[in-house]
Amino acid sequence: VNIDQRWLHYVPGVIKAIVLAILSLTKPDDSVLTFSPIYDPYPNLVNTSGRQLVQSKLIQKDGTFAIDWQDFEDKVQTCRAFLFCSPNNPGGVVWDKDSLRRIAAICKASNTLVIADEIHGDLTLFPQQHIPFFSVSQEASENCIVLSSANKTFNMPGVQGGFAIVPNPDLRERFYGFLDGCYLAETN
């Protein structure tokens, strides 16, 4: 994919950046949606941020997880943000382009920001290939914060840092302005 340099920004780690995105772009008591099962810190970080956790349960199908589209679409309507793990952790699902586009369209229509944690994007098995969320459609690029880091790929979690990709200039200004104002836009 092509990434404009202006879209990029340092963050103090993916989990920290998720919390910072929730704090800076939602209000107390707003609802934040995740899938379930999901990486275990997610529910806690939503709750400790003063937001309400909503979960859409993934369906076990053919030895993997699939999205319950009706449940997802119903629940996302009340949520200000969707915390999206792509690929899914712990299920290992590498989401296909059609699913990513559908998520983007549903979230854009419901005015729900997508915060995409793509830290496991480099750890897929052939023939599957990770597709960056911002790249799948105009709706996706206008309505997402994508977070990642070299920490998983190169097994270096001691480097407390990462990066954000935000194509939308208004969203970028709000989020990166918050990070810069708190002196949090750096790594160690």
Protein backbone atom coordinates (compact mmCIF):
# COMPACT_ATOMS: atom_id res chain seq x y z
CA VAL A 1 0.00 0.00 0.00
CA ASN A 2 1.01 3.60 -0.40
CA ILE A 3 1.23 5.65 2.79
CA ASP A 4 1.54 9.42 2.75
CA GLN A 5 4.20 10.46 5.26
CA ARG A 6 1.75 12.97 6.82
CA TRP A 7 -0.46 10.04 7.90
CA LEU A 8 2.24 8.61 10.17
CA HIS A 9 2.93 9.44 13.80
CA TYR A 10 4.83 7.83 16.64
CA VAL A 11 2.79 6.42 19.52
CA PRO A 12 4.01 5.13 22.91
CA GLY A 13 2.82 1.58 22.12
CA VAL A 14 -0.31 0.08 20.58
CA ILE A 15 -2.24 -0.61 23.80
CA LYS A 16 -1.37 2.84 25.14
CA ALA A 17 -2.39 4.42 21.83
CA ILE A 18 -5.75 2.60 21.95
CA VAL A 19 -6.43 4.11 25.38
CA LEU A 20 -5.28 7.54 24.17
CA ALA A 21 -7.52 7.31 21.08
CA ILE A 22 -10.51 6.34 23.25
CA LEU A 23 -9.81 9.17 25.70
CA SER A 24 -9.27 11.82 23.03
CA LEU A 25 -11.98 10.85 20.52
CA THR A 26 -14.86 9.62 22.67
CA LYS A 27 -16.64 10.98 25.73
CA PRO A 28 -17.15 9.42 29.16
CA ASP A 29 -19.97 6.87 29.08
CA ASP A 30 -19.75 6.49 25.28
CA SER A 31 -19.97 2.87 24.15
CA VAL A 32 -17.02 1.10 22.53
CA LEU A 33 -17.58 -2.11 20.58
CA THR A 34 -15.21 -5.08 20.32
CA PHE A 35 -15.56 -8.58 19.00
CA SER A 36 -15.50 -11.50 21.42
CA PRO A 37 -13.28 -13.42 21.86
CA ILE A 38 -10.73 -10.63 21.90
CA TYR A 39 -7.29 -9.92 23.33
CA ASP A 40 -7.84 -9.84 27.08
CA PRO A 41 -6.71 -6.25 27.86
CA TYR A 42 -9.34 -4.72 25.53
CA PRO A 43 -12.43 -5.05 27.75
CA ASN A 44 -10.54 -3.72 30.76
CA LEU A 45 -9.02 -0.74 28.95
CA VAL A 46 -12.45 0.27 27.65
CA ASN A 47 -13.94 0.11 31.15
CA THR A 48 -11.03 1.86 32.88
CA SER A 49 -11.30 4.65 30.28
CA GLY A 50 -14.79 5.42 31.62
CA ARG A 51 -16.50 4.05 28.51
CA GLN A 52 -19.10 1.31 28.21
CA LEU A 53 -18.01 -2.01 26.72
CA VAL A 54 -20.25 -3.61 24.09
CA GLN A 55 -19.22 -6.93 22.53
CA SER A 56 -20.33 -8.71 19.38
CA LYS A 57 -19.70 -12.43 19.71
CA LEU A 58 -17.89 -14.07 16.81
CA ILE A 59 -19.43 -17.30 15.52
CA GLN A 60 -17.40 -20.50 15.36
CA LYS A 61 -17.74 -21.76 11.81
CA ASP A 62 -15.70 -24.35 9.92
CA GLY A 63 -12.94 -24.38 12.54
CA THR A 64 -12.51 -20.60 12.61
CA PHE A 65 -14.37 -17.49 13.69
CA ALA A 66 -16.80 -15.52 11.54
CA ILE A 67 -18.65 -12.27 12.11
CA ASP A 68 -22.30 -12.37 13.12
CA TRP A 69 -23.17 -9.52 10.77
CA GLN A 70 -26.65 -8.90 12.16
CA ASP A 71 -25.38 -8.73 15.75
CA PHE A 72 -22.46 -6.49 14.70
CA GLU A 73 -24.68 -4.11 12.75
CA ASP A 74 -27.25 -3.91 15.56
CA LYS A 75 -24.66 -3.23 18.28
CA VAL A 76 -22.46 -0.80 16.37
CA GLN A 77 -25.39 1.63 16.06
CA THR A 78 -25.01 2.63 19.72
CA CYS A 79 -21.22 2.81 19.76
CA ARG A 80 -18.90 5.76 19.22
CA ALA A 81 -15.87 3.55 18.47
CA PHE A 82 -15.12 0.02 17.30
CA LEU A 83 -11.90 -1.48 18.63
CA PHE A 84 -10.91 -3.85 15.83
CA CYS A 85 -8.11 -6.41 16.11
CA SER A 86 -6.92 -7.29 12.60
CA PRO A 87 -5.82 -10.07 12.36
CA ASN A 88 -7.99 -11.24 15.22
CA ASN A 89 -6.29 -12.05 18.49
CA PRO A 90 -6.77 -14.71 19.87
CA GLY A 91 -8.61 -16.39 16.96
CA GLY A 92 -6.00 -15.73 14.29
CA VAL A 93 -8.58 -14.76 11.66
CA VAL A 94 -7.04 -12.81 8.80
CA TRP A 95 -10.00 -10.73 7.63
CA ASP A 96 -10.65 -10.72 3.87
CA LYS A 97 -11.15 -7.57 1.82
CA ASP A 98 -14.93 -8.03 1.54
CA SER A 99 -15.29 -8.29 5.33
CA LEU A 100 -13.08 -5.25 5.86
CA ARG A 101 -15.09 -3.22 3.34
CA ARG A 102 -18.34 -4.28 4.98
CA ILE A 103 -17.06 -3.30 8.43
CA ALA A 104 -15.93 0.07 7.02
CA ALA A 105 -19.31 0.77 5.40
CA ILE A 106 -21.29 -0.21 8.50
CA CYS A 107 -19.10 1.86 10.82
CA LYS A 108 -19.09 4.89 8.52
CA ALA A 109 -22.90 4.76 8.22
CA SER A 110 -23.30 4.61 12.01
CA ASN A 111 -20.64 7.30 12.63
CA THR A 112 -18.53 4.80 14.57
CA LEU A 113 -14.77 5.37 14.52
CA VAL A 114 -12.66 2.28 13.76
CA ILE A 115 -9.54 1.91 15.90
CA ALA A 116 -7.69 -0.91 14.14
CA ASP A 117 -4.95 -2.75 16.03
CA GLU A 118 -2.86 -4.33 13.27
CA ILE A 119 0.17 -5.33 15.34
CA HIS A 120 -0.12 -8.96 14.16
CA GLY A 121 -0.35 -8.01 10.48
CA ASP A 122 3.09 -9.41 9.66
CA LEU A 123 2.39 -12.74 11.37
CA THR A 124 0.09 -14.45 8.88
CA LEU A 125 0.54 -17.85 7.29
CA PHE A 126 0.62 -18.40 3.54
CA PRO A 127 -1.57 -18.05 1.53
CA GLN A 128 -3.34 -15.51 3.74
CA GLN A 129 -2.16 -11.93 3.61
CA HIS A 130 -3.00 -9.09 5.96
CA ILE A 131 -4.78 -6.17 4.32
CA PRO A 132 -4.39 -2.79 6.06
CA PHE A 133 -7.83 -1.52 7.03
CA PHE A 134 -7.34 2.03 5.70
CA SER A 135 -6.60 0.66 2.20
CA VAL A 136 -9.86 -1.18 1.48
CA SER A 137 -12.22 1.71 0.69
CA GLN A 138 -12.85 5.43 0.93
CA GLU A 139 -15.13 4.80 3.95
CA ALA A 140 -12.30 3.00 5.70
CA SER A 141 -9.66 5.65 5.02
CA GLU A 142 -11.97 8.44 6.19
CA ASN A 143 -12.94 6.77 9.45
CA CYS A 144 -10.02 4.94 11.03
CA ILE A 145 -6.94 5.04 13.15
CA VAL A 146 -4.61 2.15 12.34
CA LEU A 147 -2.05 1.21 14.99
CA SER A 148 0.94 -1.09 14.70
CA SER A 149 4.49 -1.67 15.83
CA ALA A 150 7.55 -3.72 14.98
CA ASN A 151 7.36 -5.31 18.44
CA LYS A 152 5.48 -8.49 17.45
CA THR A 153 7.16 -8.95 14.08
CA PHE A 154 10.67 -8.72 15.49
CA ASN A 155 9.97 -9.90 19.09
CA MET A 156 11.11 -6.70 20.76
CA PRO A 157 8.39 -5.73 23.25
CA GLY A 158 10.91 -3.83 25.38
CA VAL A 159 10.83 -1.08 22.74
CA GLN A 160 7.79 0.74 24.04
CA GLY A 161 6.69 2.36 20.82
CA GLY A 162 4.72 2.06 17.66
CA PHE A 163 3.08 4.09 14.95
CA ALA A 164 -0.32 5.32 13.91
CA ILE A 165 -1.66 5.74 10.39
CA VAL A 166 -4.51 8.24 10.03
CA PRO A 167 -5.41 9.25 6.45
CA ASN A 168 -8.28 11.62 7.41
CA PRO A 169 -6.77 15.09 8.04
CA ASP A 170 -9.44 16.19 10.55
CA LEU A 171 -9.18 13.00 12.56
CA ARG A 172 -5.39 13.16 12.30
CA GLU A 173 -5.35 16.71 13.65
CA ARG A 174 -7.56 15.78 16.62
CA PHE A 175 -5.68 12.61 17.57
CA TYR A 176 -2.13 13.73 16.82
CA GLY A 177 -2.83 17.12 18.42
CA PHE A 178 -3.84 15.32 21.60
CA LEU A 179 -0.70 13.15 21.53
CA ASP A 180 1.58 16.14 20.90
CA GLY A 181 -0.15 18.24 23.56
CA CYS A 182 0.51 15.52 26.15
CA TYR A 183 4.08 14.87 24.91
CA LEU A 184 3.08 11.29 24.13
CA ALA A 185 4.02 11.12 20.48
CA GLU A 186 7.37 9.45 20.90
CA THR A 187 8.97 6.12 21.54
CA ASN A 188 11.82 5.19 23.86
